[in-house]
Amino acid sequence: MRNNNEKGFALILSLVLLLAMSLMGGALIVMSAGDHKSNNSSDEYQQTFYVAETALIQGEKYILNQFLGPWNTKTNTRDLTKKNLAENQTKVYDGSMTKVNYGSRSPYNLYNPNADKSCYNSFTGIDRKTFKIVAAESWNFGKLLYDSNINKSSQAKIKKEKEYLDKFYFEYFITRVGAAPFRGSGVSIKKGAKDSGNNGMAYRVYGCGINTGNPTLIVTLESLVILPK
């Protein structure tokens, strides 16, 4: 019983550390959002890069939420009956994105993620004849921060900030790669030489930061997440 408790604690600790690292990255993104004193190409690229990092964070959170059980915002609890290692969809992916937090009204009607499928097409090392995904989502970065009520500044400043950030979108798509070795931070999770193997499941997250200004900028990033089976 003690070993099981230690194993469970080590697993939770590993996931908490991963989420903590994601939150630290998120904090950097939020801080950068208020630092737009100049509008040169370097600043625009840097902000687009931060938005791309947000895409990876959100994609990793999606996988963790499936693994731990979907979070119910009404009850502030997880639905443990639905926790799973998410599987790829049966159809080959065509690059389409699901809009999550924005629709087709102004100012969001100026961007359509499914017009040229720029995020998906920016990754050249994908076998498009066989590639399948778990999920693919498109978010507006400015609206995400505005809706989260992170910025406690005056309404005028918030409005100006949102108007600037509304031109940024982040998108991600996730594929289940397959079995892979998993090693947690706790001793009880680690496998010894005799019983080590592909005891984890690997997912690759493809993330894009998209600046719809003039000129349009796209920054692409990738990350690999391995969860225990």
Protein backbone atom coordinates (compact mmCIF):
# COMPACT_ATOMS: atom_id res chain seq x y z
CA MET A 1 0.00 0.00 0.00
CA ARG A 2 2.85 2.35 0.84
CA ASN A 3 4.48 1.80 -2.56
CA ASN A 4 1.19 2.52 -4.31
CA ASN A 5 0.78 5.75 -2.33
CA GLU A 6 4.33 6.78 -3.15
CA LYS A 7 3.77 5.99 -6.81
CA GLY A 8 0.57 8.00 -6.90
CA PHE A 9 2.19 10.94 -5.12
CA ALA A 10 5.18 10.89 -7.47
CA LEU A 11 2.91 10.87 -10.50
CA ILE A 12 0.86 13.80 -9.23
CA LEU A 13 4.07 15.67 -8.35
CA SER A 14 5.41 15.14 -11.87
CA LEU A 15 2.24 16.52 -13.43
CA VAL A 16 2.11 19.46 -11.01
CA LEU A 17 5.71 20.37 -11.88
CA LEU A 18 4.85 20.25 -15.58
CA LEU A 19 1.86 22.52 -15.04
CA ALA A 20 3.94 24.85 -12.87
CA MET A 21 6.49 25.23 -15.66
CA SER A 22 3.64 26.01 -18.06
CA LEU A 23 2.25 28.64 -15.68
CA MET A 24 5.68 30.24 -15.40
CA GLY A 25 5.78 30.48 -19.18
CA GLY A 26 2.29 31.92 -19.14
CA ALA A 27 3.34 34.58 -16.65
CA LEU A 28 6.09 35.72 -19.01
CA ILE A 29 3.56 35.99 -21.81
CA VAL A 30 1.18 38.07 -19.71
CA MET A 31 3.95 40.41 -18.62
CA SER A 32 5.09 40.88 -22.19
CA ALA A 33 1.60 41.87 -23.27
CA GLY A 34 1.96 45.23 -21.55
CA ASP A 35 5.32 46.06 -23.05
CA HIS A 36 4.55 47.40 -26.51
CA LYS A 37 6.36 50.73 -26.44
CA SER A 38 7.58 50.35 -29.98
CA ASN A 39 6.10 48.79 -33.07
CA ASN A 40 9.17 47.66 -34.96
CA SER A 41 9.57 44.26 -36.56
CA SER A 42 11.64 42.89 -33.68
CA ASP A 43 8.92 43.62 -31.14
CA GLU A 44 6.26 42.19 -33.43
CA TYR A 45 8.23 38.97 -33.88
CA GLN A 46 8.92 38.67 -30.16
CA GLN A 47 5.24 39.02 -29.29
CA THR A 48 4.31 36.48 -31.98
CA PHE A 49 6.85 34.10 -30.45
CA TYR A 50 5.23 34.49 -27.02
CA VAL A 51 1.86 33.74 -28.60
CA ALA A 52 3.32 30.57 -30.15
CA GLU A 53 4.50 29.52 -26.69
CA THR A 54 0.92 29.98 -25.50
CA ALA A 55 -0.16 27.53 -28.21
CA LEU A 56 2.18 24.87 -26.80
CA ILE A 57 0.99 25.51 -23.25
CA GLN A 58 -2.66 25.21 -24.25
CA GLY A 59 -1.98 22.07 -26.26
CA GLU A 60 -0.16 20.44 -23.36
CA LYS A 61 -2.99 21.43 -21.02
CA TYR A 62 -5.46 19.80 -23.39
CA ILE A 63 -3.60 16.47 -23.20
CA LEU A 64 -3.28 16.69 -19.41
CA ASN A 65 -6.97 17.46 -19.03
CA GLN A 66 -7.81 14.36 -21.02
CA PHE A 67 -5.41 12.30 -18.92
CA LEU A 68 -6.60 13.61 -15.54
CA GLY A 69 -10.26 13.97 -16.55
CA PRO A 70 -11.98 17.00 -18.15
CA TRP A 71 -12.32 20.02 -15.86
CA ASN A 72 -15.87 21.13 -15.12
CA THR A 73 -15.88 24.91 -14.67
CA LYS A 74 -19.33 24.86 -13.06
CA THR A 75 -18.47 22.41 -10.28
CA ASN A 76 -14.71 23.08 -10.20
CA THR A 77 -14.07 19.34 -10.26
CA ARG A 78 -12.72 16.82 -12.73
CA ASP A 79 -14.87 14.18 -14.38
CA LEU A 80 -12.77 11.17 -13.45
CA THR A 81 -15.03 8.84 -15.42
CA LYS A 82 -13.75 10.40 -18.67
CA LYS A 83 -10.00 10.42 -17.98
CA ASN A 84 -8.07 8.70 -20.74
CA LEU A 85 -5.04 8.66 -22.97
CA ALA A 86 -6.52 10.54 -25.91
CA GLU A 87 -6.47 8.72 -29.23
CA ASN A 88 -6.05 10.04 -32.75
CA GLN A 89 -9.16 10.59 -34.83
CA THR A 90 -9.87 8.03 -37.53
CA LYS A 91 -9.75 10.47 -40.47
CA VAL A 92 -6.57 11.88 -41.97
CA TYR A 93 -6.14 15.49 -40.85
CA ASP A 94 -6.76 18.18 -43.48
CA GLY A 95 -5.46 21.17 -41.52
CA SER A 96 -8.82 22.53 -40.33
CA MET A 97 -9.06 24.28 -36.96
CA THR A 98 -11.93 24.58 -34.50
CA LYS A 99 -12.53 28.17 -33.39
CA VAL A 100 -12.71 28.16 -29.60
CA ASN A 101 -13.14 31.66 -28.19
CA TYR A 102 -14.06 33.80 -31.19
CA GLY A 103 -16.57 33.83 -34.03
CA SER A 104 -17.05 35.71 -37.28
CA ARG A 105 -17.95 39.16 -35.94
CA SER A 106 -15.65 42.18 -36.03
CA PRO A 107 -12.74 42.33 -35.39
CA TYR A 108 -12.37 38.56 -35.78
CA ASN A 109 -13.99 38.42 -39.22
CA LEU A 110 -10.69 39.52 -40.75
CA TYR A 111 -9.09 36.14 -40.05
CA ASN A 112 -10.23 32.67 -41.09
CA PRO A 113 -7.98 29.84 -39.82
CA ASN A 114 -9.37 27.46 -42.42
CA ALA A 115 -8.86 29.67 -45.48
CA ASP A 116 -5.25 28.75 -46.20
CA LYS A 117 -4.63 26.53 -43.13
CA SER A 118 -1.40 28.42 -42.55
CA CYS A 119 -0.50 26.76 -39.24
CA TYR A 120 -0.71 23.21 -40.55
CA ASN A 121 1.03 24.09 -43.81
CA SER A 122 3.91 25.76 -41.95
CA PHE A 123 5.15 22.36 -40.77
CA THR A 124 6.91 20.69 -43.69
CA GLY A 125 7.99 17.42 -42.07
CA ILE A 126 4.50 15.91 -41.86
CA ASP A 127 3.31 13.00 -44.01
CA ARG A 128 0.01 14.55 -45.04
CA LYS A 129 -1.28 11.32 -46.57
CA THR A 130 -1.38 9.47 -43.24
CA PHE A 131 -1.20 12.15 -40.53
CA LYS A 132 -3.94 11.98 -37.90
CA ILE A 133 -4.62 14.13 -34.86
CA VAL A 134 -6.23 14.15 -31.44
CA ALA A 135 -7.47 17.76 -31.65
CA ALA A 136 -6.86 21.08 -33.44
CA GLU A 137 -7.91 24.46 -32.03
CA SER A 138 -7.64 28.15 -32.91
CA TRP A 139 -7.81 30.88 -30.25
CA ASN A 140 -7.66 34.66 -30.28
CA PHE A 141 -4.89 35.73 -27.93
CA GLY A 142 -6.27 39.16 -27.01
CA LYS A 143 -9.71 37.82 -26.20
CA LEU A 144 -8.22 35.03 -24.08
CA LEU A 145 -6.44 37.55 -21.84
CA TYR A 146 -9.39 39.93 -21.80
CA ASP A 147 -11.88 37.20 -20.82
CA SER A 148 -9.57 35.86 -18.13
CA ASN A 149 -9.61 39.30 -16.44
CA ILE A 150 -5.86 39.06 -15.80
CA ASN A 151 -5.26 42.75 -16.42
CA LYS A 152 -6.60 44.86 -13.54
CA SER A 153 -5.70 48.19 -15.14
CA SER A 154 -8.15 50.92 -16.11
CA GLN A 155 -10.83 50.12 -18.68
CA ALA A 156 -9.26 52.53 -21.18
CA LYS A 157 -5.89 50.83 -20.90
CA ILE A 158 -7.47 47.37 -21.13
CA LYS A 159 -9.36 48.38 -24.28
CA LYS A 160 -6.21 49.73 -25.92
CA GLU A 161 -4.27 46.62 -24.97
CA LYS A 162 -6.98 44.33 -26.29
CA GLU A 163 -7.17 46.22 -29.58
CA TYR A 164 -3.47 45.59 -30.07
CA LEU A 165 -3.56 41.91 -29.04
CA ASP A 166 -6.70 41.07 -31.02
CA LYS A 167 -4.57 40.67 -34.15
CA PHE A 168 -2.73 37.74 -32.57
CA TYR A 169 -4.01 34.18 -32.79
CA PHE A 170 -2.55 30.95 -31.50
CA GLU A 171 -3.32 27.55 -32.92
CA TYR A 172 -2.28 24.03 -32.09
CA PHE A 173 -2.85 20.51 -33.25
CA ILE A 174 -1.87 17.35 -31.40
CA THR A 175 -0.97 13.90 -32.64
CA ARG A 176 -0.58 10.74 -30.60
CA VAL A 177 2.87 9.43 -31.56
CA GLY A 178 2.74 6.09 -29.76
CA ALA A 179 4.36 4.15 -26.94
CA ALA A 180 7.50 5.63 -25.37
CA PRO A 181 9.58 5.22 -22.18
CA PHE A 182 8.23 7.23 -19.25
CA ARG A 183 10.34 8.26 -16.27
CA GLY A 184 8.78 10.25 -13.45
CA SER A 185 10.50 12.29 -10.76
CA GLY A 186 9.64 9.84 -7.99
CA VAL A 187 11.79 6.78 -7.32
CA SER A 188 8.76 4.50 -7.21
CA ILE A 189 7.79 5.46 -10.78
CA LYS A 190 11.16 4.88 -12.36
CA LYS A 191 11.70 1.55 -14.02
CA GLY A 192 14.80 -0.47 -13.34
CA ALA A 193 16.96 -2.18 -15.92
CA LYS A 194 14.89 -5.36 -15.67
CA ASP A 195 11.45 -3.86 -16.16
CA SER A 196 12.05 -0.73 -18.24
CA GLY A 197 10.14 -0.42 -21.50
CA ASN A 198 7.59 1.60 -23.40
CA ASN A 199 5.43 2.27 -20.35
CA GLY A 200 4.35 5.73 -21.50
CA MET A 201 2.38 7.35 -24.31
CA ALA A 202 3.91 10.14 -26.38
CA TYR A 203 2.07 13.10 -27.91
CA ARG A 204 3.51 15.78 -30.16
CA VAL A 205 2.08 19.28 -29.92
CA TYR A 206 2.45 21.58 -32.92
CA GLY A 207 1.91 25.23 -32.02
CA CYS A 208 1.66 28.44 -34.05
CA GLY A 209 1.69 32.09 -33.10
CA ILE A 210 0.00 34.12 -35.83
CA ASN A 211 0.26 37.90 -36.20
CA THR A 212 -2.40 39.02 -38.69
CA GLY A 213 -0.92 42.50 -39.03
CA ASN A 214 0.96 43.82 -42.03
CA PRO A 215 3.08 41.91 -42.80
CA THR A 216 1.63 38.66 -41.47
CA LEU A 217 3.97 36.72 -39.18
CA ILE A 218 3.81 33.05 -38.22
CA VAL A 219 6.06 31.43 -35.59
CA THR A 220 5.97 27.64 -35.24
CA LEU A 221 7.05 25.55 -32.25
CA GLU A 222 6.84 21.87 -31.26
CA SER A 223 6.90 19.97 -27.98
CA LEU A 224 6.73 16.32 -26.96
CA VAL A 225 4.65 15.19 -23.97
CA ILE A 226 4.98 11.68 -22.50
CA LEU A 227 2.36 10.45 -20.03
CA PRO A 228 2.34 7.17 -18.11
CA LYS A 229 0.04 4.40 -19.31
